[in-house]
């Protein structure tokens, strides 16, 4: 991501400073709790900028300065934060580039601001196919692939692994869920998969509302299908699956098929269900085992903790890491307006959270007899063809999210 920025600077007259504005989902929308991934990604960006600044050969006459905002994974919040930084960051000097946001809907909000100000914007994890429209988003670049490829892989799993041709789809109505499931529908048509029910829900909808008569769970029940495709963010996926199970849907004799963010629920969620009572197949990032990635992973693992020193067990000031960015904003602490000065947000470890090719994950149920087979998908969130081969040892019904396949030829 930063290569794009440094390459541009290196080929023009070098300025003394580059003002890097950035947006991360540091806290949940209601401010109730910090997001570990948002703080971790901020720490990685901070380390990357310091690495460039400390390299006397890369940009010897230019210093990259960092100021950040909290997108909260929300379109309007991200738009407001981007507007604030463009107008007031670095003492009113504004932004030379905006890095972010994470969620696709948030990046769409930032793109409104970046287009008006003709400010380059680089997203690190927004995957909505809609954001590929260079006419609508002329200043937006991203370093992750579109969900069009992920949706192709999901349709391949449904048709060629599960060997079913009738599904229901559930998706959040935000940009990530809406455009991701639309891409799946298009690929499903080519695979001759019939979609008997399709429902959307607002991001953050409660389990109780999901279970209302005529709501998403009720519609899926009426369809009679046993394979449910779920495309939404992790927190919403947790509520949807729990609401469905409470209504007798999505348990034994059902299989869930999930996008990568659903797979992020991981064993800590799926292990809460008895063995063999919930079937799941999904996509998860599988970064290539290259020397460059090993170097990055080692760097991330070596970064310091920003969780604070723990002197205040309630998590308030005294225990927080009170480091500030170059614009004077607190990086790892937050004033939530409760009367206490700060609330801690940083995390202890900065490792993990890498993007790369996708691999399938399987949690077996009694729904489908998974047999050894070999599949080749035209795309699995990668541009070249890759082979997917089931692992013989993973045919047990242990209630854990286990890797079913590995990507070959990468």
Protein backbone atom coordinates (compact mmCIF):
# COMPACT_ATOMS: atom_id res chain seq x y z
CA UNK A 1 0.00 0.00 0.00
CA UNK A 2 2.69 2.50 0.98
CA UNK A 3 4.68 1.55 -2.14
CA UNK A 4 2.07 3.43 -4.20
CA UNK A 5 2.63 6.51 -2.08
CA UNK A 6 6.42 6.39 -1.96
CA UNK A 7 6.74 5.63 -5.68
CA UNK A 8 4.71 8.73 -6.51
CA UNK A 9 6.79 10.93 -4.22
CA UNK A 10 10.09 9.53 -5.48
CA UNK A 11 9.34 10.49 -9.09
CA UNK A 12 8.47 14.13 -8.32
CA UNK A 13 10.05 16.99 -6.41
CA UNK A 14 10.21 15.68 -2.83
CA UNK A 15 8.23 17.70 -0.27
CA UNK A 16 9.55 18.13 3.25
CA UNK A 17 6.46 16.52 4.77
CA UNK A 18 3.65 14.24 3.62
CA UNK A 19 0.49 14.41 5.70
CA UNK A 20 -0.92 10.88 5.95
CA UNK A 21 -4.48 10.82 7.26
CA UNK A 22 -5.95 7.43 8.11
CA UNK A 23 -9.19 5.84 9.26
CA UNK A 24 -9.59 2.66 11.29
CA UNK A 25 -12.57 1.03 13.05
CA UNK A 26 -11.14 1.48 16.55
CA UNK A 27 -14.41 1.24 18.48
CA UNK A 28 -17.82 -0.26 17.83
CA UNK A 29 -20.38 2.20 16.56
CA UNK A 30 -21.96 2.75 19.98
CA UNK A 31 -18.56 3.10 21.68
CA UNK A 32 -19.30 0.11 23.91
CA UNK A 33 -16.05 -1.73 23.25
CA UNK A 34 -12.80 -1.42 21.29
CA UNK A 35 -12.14 -3.32 18.05
CA UNK A 36 -8.88 -5.21 18.28
CA UNK A 37 -8.43 -5.35 14.51
CA UNK A 38 -8.77 -1.61 14.09
CA UNK A 39 -6.15 -0.86 16.72
CA UNK A 40 -3.88 -3.59 15.34
CA UNK A 41 -4.02 -2.19 11.80
CA UNK A 42 -3.30 1.30 13.11
CA UNK A 43 -0.22 -0.06 14.88
CA UNK A 44 0.96 -1.71 11.65
CA UNK A 45 0.56 1.54 9.69
CA UNK A 46 2.43 3.47 12.37
CA UNK A 47 5.29 0.93 12.18
CA UNK A 48 5.34 1.12 8.37
CA UNK A 49 5.61 4.92 8.38
CA UNK A 50 8.38 4.80 10.95
CA UNK A 51 10.24 2.24 8.84
CA UNK A 52 10.09 4.55 5.81
CA UNK A 53 11.12 7.59 7.84
CA UNK A 54 14.09 5.68 9.27
CA UNK A 55 15.27 4.52 5.84
CA UNK A 56 17.79 7.13 4.65
CA UNK A 57 17.70 5.82 1.06
CA UNK A 58 13.97 5.60 0.35
CA UNK A 59 12.72 9.14 1.01
CA UNK A 60 15.77 10.89 2.49
CA UNK A 61 14.34 14.40 2.23
CA UNK A 62 10.72 13.68 3.15
CA UNK A 63 9.07 12.80 6.44
CA UNK A 64 5.71 11.01 6.59
CA UNK A 65 3.46 12.29 9.37
CA UNK A 66 0.44 10.42 10.71
CA UNK A 67 -2.95 11.58 11.91
CA UNK A 68 -5.89 9.23 12.31
CA UNK A 69 -9.61 9.04 12.92
CA UNK A 70 -12.13 6.39 13.99
CA UNK A 71 -14.46 5.22 11.19
CA UNK A 72 -16.37 2.83 13.50
CA UNK A 73 -17.11 0.80 10.37
CA UNK A 74 -19.93 3.23 9.58
CA UNK A 75 -20.47 5.27 6.41
CA UNK A 76 -21.65 8.53 7.99
CA UNK A 77 -19.10 8.41 10.80
CA UNK A 78 -16.29 7.80 8.33
CA UNK A 79 -17.48 10.64 6.11
CA UNK A 80 -17.57 13.02 9.10
CA UNK A 81 -14.10 11.95 10.28
CA UNK A 82 -12.64 12.30 6.78
CA UNK A 83 -14.17 15.77 6.47
CA UNK A 84 -12.71 16.76 9.85
CA UNK A 85 -9.23 15.65 8.90
CA UNK A 86 -9.26 17.16 5.40
CA UNK A 87 -10.24 20.51 6.91
CA UNK A 88 -8.36 20.51 10.22
CA UNK A 89 -5.61 17.85 10.30
CA UNK A 90 -2.05 19.00 10.95
CA UNK A 91 -3.06 22.44 12.13
CA UNK A 92 -5.38 23.04 9.16
CA UNK A 93 -2.93 21.87 6.49
CA UNK A 94 -5.18 18.91 5.69
CA UNK A 95 -4.37 15.55 4.12
CA UNK A 96 -2.09 14.66 1.23
CA UNK A 97 -3.44 11.11 1.23
CA UNK A 98 -6.15 9.21 3.13
CA UNK A 99 -5.47 5.59 4.07
CA UNK A 100 -8.71 3.72 4.78
CA UNK A 101 -11.22 2.76 5.51
CA UNK A 102 -11.63 -0.88 6.51
CA UNK A 103 -15.34 -1.57 5.92
CA UNK A 104 -16.66 -1.00 2.41
CA UNK A 105 -19.51 1.26 3.53
CA UNK A 106 -17.03 3.41 5.47
CA UNK A 107 -14.72 3.66 2.44
CA UNK A 108 -17.70 4.78 0.35
CA UNK A 109 -18.29 7.61 2.83
CA UNK A 110 -14.63 8.60 2.75
CA UNK A 111 -14.66 8.48 -1.07
CA UNK A 112 -17.26 11.24 -1.14
CA UNK A 113 -14.79 13.48 0.69
CA UNK A 114 -11.68 12.34 -1.21
CA UNK A 115 -13.38 12.96 -4.56
CA UNK A 116 -14.48 16.48 -3.62
CA UNK A 117 -10.99 17.33 -2.37
CA UNK A 118 -9.20 15.38 -5.12
CA UNK A 119 -7.28 13.55 -2.40
CA UNK A 120 -5.86 10.08 -3.10
CA UNK A 121 -7.51 7.39 -0.97
CA UNK A 122 -6.06 3.90 -0.40
CA UNK A 123 -8.23 1.27 1.31
CA UNK A 124 -6.54 -1.70 2.94
CA UNK A 125 -9.54 -4.05 3.32
CA UNK A 126 -12.68 -2.74 1.57
CA UNK A 127 -13.75 -5.51 -0.81
CA UNK A 128 -17.17 -4.47 -2.17
CA UNK A 129 -17.40 -4.91 -5.98
CA UNK A 130 -19.09 -1.50 -6.20
CA UNK A 131 -15.84 0.21 -5.23
CA UNK A 132 -14.23 -1.01 -8.47
CA UNK A 133 -16.16 1.68 -10.37
CA UNK A 134 -13.42 4.17 -11.24
CA UNK A 135 -15.95 6.68 -12.54
CA UNK A 136 -17.90 6.80 -9.29
CA UNK A 137 -14.75 6.58 -7.14
CA UNK A 138 -11.98 8.25 -9.15
CA UNK A 139 -9.58 8.80 -6.21
CA UNK A 140 -10.10 5.44 -4.48
CA UNK A 141 -7.51 2.67 -4.73
CA UNK A 142 -7.36 -0.54 -2.72
CA UNK A 143 -4.82 -3.25 -2.06
CA UNK A 144 -7.28 -6.14 -1.60
CA UNK A 145 -9.29 -7.93 -4.25
CA UNK A 146 -13.00 -7.48 -4.94
CA UNK A 147 -15.59 -9.78 -3.39
CA UNK A 148 -16.53 -10.81 -6.91
CA UNK A 149 -13.76 -13.41 -6.64
CA UNK A 150 -14.78 -14.53 -3.16
CA UNK A 151 -18.35 -14.96 -4.36
CA UNK A 152 -17.12 -17.11 -7.26
CA UNK A 153 -15.38 -19.39 -4.76
CA UNK A 154 -18.48 -19.58 -2.54
CA UNK A 155 -20.65 -20.60 -5.50
CA UNK A 156 -18.08 -23.25 -6.36
CA UNK A 157 -18.23 -24.63 -2.84
CA UNK A 158 -22.03 -24.83 -2.98
CA UNK A 159 -22.24 -26.51 -6.37
CA UNK A 160 -19.19 -28.75 -6.44
CA UNK A 161 -18.40 -29.52 -2.79
CA UNK A 162 -21.82 -29.59 -1.17
CA UNK A 163 -23.34 -30.63 -4.50
CA UNK A 164 -26.60 -28.80 -3.87
CA UNK A 165 -28.42 -26.54 -6.28
CA UNK A 166 -30.98 -24.84 -4.04
CA UNK A 167 -30.02 -22.27 -1.40
CA UNK A 168 -31.33 -19.36 0.62
CA UNK A 169 -29.21 -16.23 1.04
CA UNK A 170 -29.03 -13.86 3.99
CA UNK A 171 -27.04 -10.63 3.82
CA UNK A 172 -26.68 -7.35 5.64
CA UNK A 173 -27.94 -4.30 3.77
CA UNK A 174 -24.67 -2.37 4.09
CA UNK A 175 -22.31 -2.08 1.12
CA UNK A 176 -20.27 -5.17 2.04
CA UNK A 177 -23.26 -7.47 2.43
CA UNK A 178 -25.40 -6.07 -0.36
CA UNK A 179 -22.82 -6.08 -3.13
CA UNK A 180 -21.17 -9.30 -1.96
CA UNK A 181 -24.41 -11.27 -2.10
CA UNK A 182 -25.30 -9.68 -5.43
CA UNK A 183 -22.01 -10.99 -6.82
CA UNK A 184 -22.84 -14.43 -5.42
CA UNK A 185 -26.26 -14.36 -7.09
CA UNK A 186 -24.65 -13.63 -10.46
CA UNK A 187 -22.17 -16.48 -10.09
CA UNK A 188 -24.87 -18.80 -8.74
CA UNK A 189 -26.90 -18.28 -11.90
CA UNK A 190 -23.94 -19.38 -14.01
CA UNK A 191 -23.54 -22.45 -11.77
CA UNK A 192 -27.28 -23.25 -12.13
CA UNK A 193 -27.91 -22.74 -8.43
CA UNK A 194 -31.51 -21.81 -7.62
CA UNK A 195 -31.95 -19.17 -4.90
CA UNK A 196 -35.32 -19.91 -3.30
CA UNK A 197 -35.19 -17.12 -0.72
CA UNK A 198 -33.08 -14.01 -0.34
CA UNK A 199 -33.36 -11.66 2.63
CA UNK A 200 -31.47 -8.64 3.89
CA UNK A 201 -31.31 -7.06 7.29
CA UNK A 202 -29.95 -3.81 8.65
CA UNK A 203 -26.49 -3.96 10.16
CA UNK A 204 -26.77 -4.30 13.94
CA UNK A 205 -30.28 -5.83 13.93
CA UNK A 206 -30.94 -7.61 17.22
CA UNK A 207 -31.55 -11.34 17.53
CA UNK A 208 -35.10 -10.62 18.69
CA UNK A 209 -35.88 -8.59 15.55
CA UNK A 210 -34.30 -11.22 13.30
CA UNK A 211 -36.76 -13.73 14.78
CA UNK A 212 -39.90 -11.64 14.23
CA UNK A 213 -42.73 -13.10 12.09
CA UNK A 214 -41.98 -12.27 8.46
CA UNK A 215 -38.35 -11.52 9.33
CA UNK A 216 -35.19 -13.04 7.86
CA UNK A 217 -35.32 -16.30 9.82
CA UNK A 218 -39.02 -16.80 9.11
CA UNK A 219 -38.47 -16.29 5.38
CA UNK A 220 -35.65 -18.84 5.30
CA UNK A 221 -37.82 -21.36 7.18
CA UNK A 222 -40.64 -20.92 4.66
CA UNK A 223 -38.28 -21.63 1.76
CA UNK A 224 -37.60 -25.14 3.04
CA UNK A 225 -33.95 -25.11 1.92
CA UNK A 226 -31.14 -26.67 3.94
CA UNK A 227 -28.17 -24.68 2.61
CA UNK A 228 -27.94 -21.05 3.76
CA UNK A 229 -25.44 -18.57 2.32
CA UNK A 230 -24.56 -15.81 4.79
CA UNK A 231 -22.74 -12.61 3.73
CA UNK A 232 -22.26 -10.05 6.49
CA UNK A 233 -19.78 -8.88 9.10
CA UNK A 234 -18.72 -11.03 12.04
CA UNK A 235 -20.89 -9.46 14.75
CA UNK A 236 -24.01 -9.66 12.58
CA UNK A 237 -23.22 -13.26 11.60
CA UNK A 238 -23.11 -14.25 15.27
CA UNK A 239 -26.57 -12.81 15.86
CA UNK A 240 -28.05 -14.35 12.69
CA UNK A 241 -26.82 -17.87 13.46
CA UNK A 242 -27.94 -17.66 17.09
CA UNK A 243 -31.36 -16.32 16.11
CA UNK A 244 -31.78 -19.06 13.51
CA UNK A 245 -30.79 -21.79 15.96
CA UNK A 246 -33.27 -20.43 18.50
CA UNK A 247 -35.99 -20.87 15.87
CA UNK A 248 -34.91 -24.39 14.98
CA UNK A 249 -33.25 -23.29 11.73
CA UNK A 250 -29.63 -23.82 10.70
CA UNK A 251 -28.80 -26.67 13.07
CA UNK A 252 -28.55 -30.38 12.32
CA UNK A 253 -29.35 -31.21 8.67
CA UNK A 254 -28.52 -27.65 7.63
CA UNK A 255 -25.27 -26.22 6.27
CA UNK A 256 -24.19 -22.60 6.47
CA UNK A 257 -21.95 -21.20 3.72
CA UNK A 258 -20.19 -18.02 4.84
CA UNK A 259 -18.06 -15.19 3.53
CA UNK A 260 -14.62 -14.59 5.03
CA UNK A 261 -15.96 -12.31 7.76
CA UNK A 262 -18.38 -15.02 8.87
CA UNK A 263 -15.48 -17.49 9.04
CA UNK A 264 -13.75 -15.08 11.42
CA UNK A 265 -16.18 -16.23 14.11
CA UNK A 266 -13.78 -19.14 14.46
CA UNK A 267 -13.70 -22.04 16.87
CA UNK A 268 -14.49 -19.82 19.87
CA UNK A 269 -18.00 -19.42 18.43
CA UNK A 270 -18.57 -22.72 16.65
CA UNK A 271 -17.33 -24.75 19.60
CA UNK A 272 -20.34 -23.52 21.59
CA UNK A 273 -22.57 -25.87 19.57
CA UNK A 274 -22.67 -29.62 20.27
CA UNK A 275 -20.71 -31.86 17.91
CA UNK A 276 -22.45 -32.54 14.62
CA UNK A 277 -25.26 -30.04 15.16
CA UNK A 278 -24.02 -27.21 12.96
CA UNK A 279 -22.46 -27.56 9.51
CA UNK A 280 -20.35 -24.75 8.10
CA UNK A 281 -18.31 -24.16 4.95
CA UNK A 282 -16.67 -20.79 4.36
CA UNK A 283 -13.78 -18.81 2.98
CA UNK A 284 -10.85 -17.49 5.00
CA UNK A 285 -7.65 -15.64 4.03
CA UNK A 286 -4.63 -17.86 3.45
CA UNK A 287 -1.57 -15.64 2.91
CA UNK A 288 1.10 -17.21 0.74
CA UNK A 289 4.13 -18.60 2.58
CA UNK A 290 6.66 -16.24 1.01
CA UNK A 291 9.79 -14.73 2.48
CA UNK A 292 8.23 -11.27 2.20
CA UNK A 293 5.20 -12.35 4.21
CA UNK A 294 7.42 -14.07 6.78
CA UNK A 295 9.35 -10.81 7.21
CA UNK A 296 6.11 -8.88 7.65
CA UNK A 297 4.73 -11.41 10.16
CA UNK A 298 7.95 -11.27 12.16
CA UNK A 299 7.83 -7.47 12.20
CA UNK A 300 4.19 -7.43 13.33
CA UNK A 301 4.87 -9.95 16.10
CA UNK A 302 7.78 -7.87 17.39
CA UNK A 303 5.75 -4.67 17.80
CA UNK A 304 5.10 -3.53 21.37
CA UNK A 305 1.86 -3.84 23.27
CA UNK A 306 -0.44 -0.81 23.30
CA UNK A 307 -2.83 -2.26 25.86
CA UNK A 308 -1.40 -0.20 28.72
CA UNK A 309 0.38 -1.33 31.85
CA UNK A 310 -2.68 -2.69 33.61
CA UNK A 311 -2.29 -0.54 36.72
CA UNK A 312 -6.01 0.19 36.66
CA UNK A 313 -7.97 -3.07 36.30
CA UNK A 314 -11.11 -1.21 35.23
CA UNK A 315 -9.30 -0.14 32.07
CA UNK A 316 -9.35 3.59 32.74
CA UNK A 317 -6.57 6.17 32.80
CA UNK A 318 -3.52 5.08 34.70
CA UNK A 319 -3.39 1.83 32.77
CA UNK A 320 -3.80 3.16 29.22
CA UNK A 321 -1.09 3.78 26.66
CA UNK A 322 -1.41 7.55 26.16
CA UNK A 323 0.75 7.84 23.02
CA UNK A 324 -0.46 10.41 20.47
CA UNK A 325 -0.14 10.66 16.70
CA UNK A 326 1.58 13.54 14.89
CA UNK A 327 -1.62 15.56 15.00
CA UNK A 328 -1.96 15.24 18.78
CA UNK A 329 -4.76 12.60 18.73
CA UNK A 330 -4.68 9.77 21.28
CA UNK A 331 -3.81 6.54 19.49
CA UNK A 332 -4.74 3.89 22.06
CA UNK A 333 -7.11 5.62 24.48
CA UNK A 334 -10.60 7.08 24.14
CA UNK A 335 -12.74 9.62 25.96
CA UNK A 336 -16.23 8.12 25.93
CA UNK A 337 -17.89 11.08 27.64
CA UNK A 338 -18.65 9.16 30.83
CA UNK A 339 -16.80 11.63 33.05
CA UNK A 340 -13.61 9.60 33.30
CA UNK A 341 -10.80 10.94 31.14
CA UNK A 342 -9.85 7.95 29.00
CA UNK A 343 -10.75 4.38 28.18
CA UNK A 344 -8.09 1.93 26.97
CA UNK A 345 -8.31 0.58 23.43
CA UNK A 346 -4.92 -0.73 22.33
CA UNK A 347 -4.16 -4.44 22.08
CA UNK A 348 -1.25 -6.46 23.43
CA UNK A 349 -0.29 -8.26 20.20
CA UNK A 350 -0.15 -6.73 16.72
CA UNK A 351 0.29 -10.10 14.93
CA UNK A 352 -2.25 -11.68 12.59
CA UNK A 353 -5.00 -10.13 10.44
CA UNK A 354 -3.36 -10.71 7.05
CA UNK A 355 -5.03 -10.68 3.67
CA UNK A 356 -4.12 -13.10 0.92
CA UNK A 357 -5.58 -15.88 -1.18
CA UNK A 358 -8.62 -17.61 0.24
CA UNK A 359 -8.96 -21.16 1.45
CA UNK A 360 -12.08 -23.05 2.38
CA UNK A 361 -12.90 -24.08 5.94
CA UNK A 362 -15.19 -26.91 6.94
CA UNK A 363 -17.16 -27.69 10.07
CA UNK A 364 -18.87 -31.05 9.32
CA UNK A 365 -22.44 -31.86 10.31
CA UNK A 366 -24.67 -34.79 9.49
CA UNK A 367 -26.09 -32.96 6.48
CA UNK A 368 -23.74 -33.94 3.68
CA UNK A 369 -21.38 -36.93 3.33
CA UNK A 370 -18.10 -35.19 2.51
CA UNK A 371 -16.04 -37.50 0.31
CA UNK A 372 -12.46 -37.06 -0.95
CA UNK A 373 -12.56 -35.09 -4.16
CA UNK A 374 -10.54 -32.62 -6.16
CA UNK A 375 -11.87 -29.26 -7.27
CA UNK A 376 -10.48 -26.53 -9.48
CA UNK A 377 -12.00 -23.05 -9.23
CA UNK A 378 -11.42 -20.39 -11.84
CA UNK A 379 -10.90 -17.96 -9.00
CA UNK A 380 -10.54 -18.23 -5.25
CA UNK A 381 -9.84 -14.59 -4.44
CA UNK A 382 -6.75 -14.88 -6.64
CA UNK A 383 -6.19 -14.06 -10.28
CA UNK A 384 -4.70 -17.36 -11.44
CA UNK A 385 -6.29 -20.81 -11.36
CA UNK A 386 -5.60 -22.79 -8.21
CA UNK A 387 -6.40 -26.33 -7.16
CA UNK A 388 -8.26 -27.19 -3.97
CA UNK A 389 -7.68 -30.59 -2.43
CA UNK A 390 -9.54 -31.88 0.66
CA UNK A 391 -7.47 -32.99 3.61
CA UNK A 392 -8.26 -36.63 4.43
CA UNK A 393 -7.59 -36.12 8.15
CA UNK A 394 -10.36 -33.54 8.51
CA UNK A 395 -13.33 -35.82 7.98
CA UNK A 396 -14.08 -36.07 11.73
CA UNK A 397 -17.10 -34.42 13.31
CA UNK A 398 -15.11 -32.61 15.97
CA UNK A 399 -16.93 -29.29 16.47
CA UNK A 400 -14.07 -27.08 15.37
CA UNK A 401 -13.50 -24.80 12.42
CA UNK A 402 -10.88 -26.75 10.52
CA UNK A 403 -9.07 -26.12 7.22
CA UNK A 404 -10.68 -28.29 4.54
CA UNK A 405 -8.53 -27.29 1.65
CA UNK A 406 -5.20 -25.79 0.77
CA UNK A 407 -4.33 -23.61 -2.20
CA UNK A 408 -1.83 -25.21 -4.55
CA UNK A 409 0.38 -23.55 -7.14
CA UNK A 410 0.49 -20.15 -5.45
